[in-house]
């Protein structure tokens, strides 16, 4: 959410500049993006440490291992 998404946006921009084809999804909502599965790497960032949407995504990731 907000400024907490900045590292993801920077990483996505860097990958694009370097022509790295690893997909990066910046998800600012509850749960996980539809593309997420057991092979996905989740990096959850919350400035406050208790953002509901971030905690929801982490919980969903734990549930699918």
C-alpha atoms as a PDB file:
ATOM      1  CA  UNK A   1       0.000   0.000   0.000  1.00  0.00           C
ATOM      2  CA  UNK A   2       1.236   3.504  -0.590  1.00  0.00           C
ATOM      3  CA  UNK A   3       4.945   4.035   0.010  1.00  0.00           C
ATOM      4  CA  UNK A   4       5.496   0.467   1.174  1.00  0.00           C
ATOM      5  CA  UNK A   5       5.132  -0.653  -2.455  1.00  0.00           C
ATOM      6  CA  UNK A   6       8.085   1.497  -3.539  1.00  0.00           C
ATOM      7  CA  UNK A   7      10.748  -1.270  -3.249  1.00  0.00           C
ATOM      8  CA  UNK A   8       8.623  -3.545  -5.433  1.00  0.00           C
ATOM      9  CA  UNK A   9       8.098  -0.815  -8.006  1.00  0.00           C
ATOM     10  CA  UNK A  10      11.844  -0.106  -8.090  1.00  0.00           C
ATOM     11  CA  UNK A  11      12.672  -3.808  -8.467  1.00  0.00           C
ATOM     12  CA  UNK A  12      10.132  -4.165 -11.269  1.00  0.00           C
ATOM     13  CA  UNK A  13      11.628  -1.140 -13.035  1.00  0.00           C
ATOM     14  CA  UNK A  14      15.176  -2.496 -12.603  1.00  0.00           C
ATOM     15  CA  UNK A  15      14.221  -5.918 -13.968  1.00  0.00           C
ATOM     16  CA  UNK A  16      12.621  -4.214 -16.963  1.00  0.00           C
ATOM     17  CA  UNK A  17      15.737  -2.109 -17.617  1.00  0.00           C
ATOM     18  CA  UNK A  18      17.966  -5.191 -17.404  1.00  0.00           C
ATOM     19  CA  UNK A  19      15.598  -7.269 -19.576  1.00  0.00           C
ATOM     20  CA  UNK A  20      15.125  -9.799 -16.780  1.00  0.00           C
ATOM     21  CA  UNK A  21      11.946 -11.698 -17.581  1.00  0.00           C
ATOM     22  CA  UNK A  22      11.004 -12.762 -14.057  1.00  0.00           C
ATOM     23  CA  UNK A  23       7.423 -11.615 -13.489  1.00  0.00           C
ATOM     24  CA  UNK A  24       6.926  -9.245 -10.573  1.00  0.00           C
ATOM     25  CA  UNK A  25       3.431  -8.494  -9.329  1.00  0.00           C
ATOM     26  CA  UNK A  26       2.725  -5.603  -6.990  1.00  0.00           C
ATOM     27  CA  UNK A  27      -0.453  -6.504  -5.170  1.00  0.00           C
ATOM     28  CA  UNK A  28      -2.186  -3.861  -3.050  1.00  0.00           C
ATOM     29  CA  UNK A  29      -5.190  -5.854  -1.928  1.00  0.00           C
ATOM     30  CA  UNK A  30      -6.246  -8.656   0.380  1.00  0.00           C
ATOM     31  CA  UNK A  31      -5.151 -12.274  -0.210  1.00  0.00           C
ATOM     32  CA  UNK A  32      -2.784 -13.091  -3.092  1.00  0.00           C
ATOM     33  CA  UNK A  33      -2.761 -12.286  -6.796  1.00  0.00           C
ATOM     34  CA  UNK A  34      -4.378 -14.983  -8.958  1.00  0.00           C
ATOM     35  CA  UNK A  35      -0.955 -15.921 -10.407  1.00  0.00           C
ATOM     36  CA  UNK A  36       0.511 -16.874  -7.008  1.00  0.00           C
ATOM     37  CA  UNK A  37       1.182 -20.543  -6.384  1.00  0.00           C
ATOM     38  CA  UNK A  38       3.576 -22.788  -4.448  1.00  0.00           C
ATOM     39  CA  UNK A  39       6.494 -21.753  -6.670  1.00  0.00           C
ATOM     40  CA  UNK A  40       6.016 -18.032  -6.025  1.00  0.00           C
ATOM     41  CA  UNK A  41       8.204 -15.934  -3.769  1.00  0.00           C
ATOM     42  CA  UNK A  42       6.232 -13.518  -1.611  1.00  0.00           C
ATOM     43  CA  UNK A  43       7.916 -10.408  -0.278  1.00  0.00           C
ATOM     44  CA  UNK A  44       5.492  -8.696   2.095  1.00  0.00           C
ATOM     45  CA  UNK A  45       6.327  -5.115   3.031  1.00  0.00           C
ATOM     46  CA  UNK A  46       4.391  -3.020   5.501  1.00  0.00           C
ATOM     47  CA  UNK A  47       5.750   0.233   6.871  1.00  0.00           C
ATOM     48  CA  UNK A  48       3.651  -0.048  10.037  1.00  0.00           C
ATOM     49  CA  UNK A  49       3.953  -3.822  10.351  1.00  0.00           C
ATOM     50  CA  UNK A  50       0.233  -4.302  10.768  1.00  0.00           C
ATOM     51  CA  UNK A  51      -1.341  -3.385   7.432  1.00  0.00           C
ATOM     52  CA  UNK A  52      -4.416  -5.620   7.082  1.00  0.00           C
ATOM     53  CA  UNK A  53      -3.889  -6.291   3.369  1.00  0.00           C
ATOM     54  CA  UNK A  54      -0.264  -7.309   3.891  1.00  0.00           C
ATOM     55  CA  UNK A  55      -1.116  -9.617   6.778  1.00  0.00           C
ATOM     56  CA  UNK A  56      -3.922 -11.151   4.708  1.00  0.00           C
ATOM     57  CA  UNK A  57      -1.500 -11.925   1.866  1.00  0.00           C
ATOM     58  CA  UNK A  58       1.031 -13.494   4.247  1.00  0.00           C
ATOM     59  CA  UNK A  59      -1.684 -15.647   5.810  1.00  0.00           C
ATOM     60  CA  UNK A  60      -2.866 -16.794   2.361  1.00  0.00           C
ATOM     61  CA  UNK A  61       0.741 -17.621   1.360  1.00  0.00           C
ATOM     62  CA  UNK A  62       1.281 -19.674   4.506  1.00  0.00           C
ATOM     63  CA  UNK A  63      -1.917 -21.595   3.763  1.00  0.00           C
ATOM     64  CA  UNK A  64      -0.624 -22.698   0.330  1.00  0.00           C
ATOM     65  CA  UNK A  65       2.885 -23.315   1.687  1.00  0.00           C
END
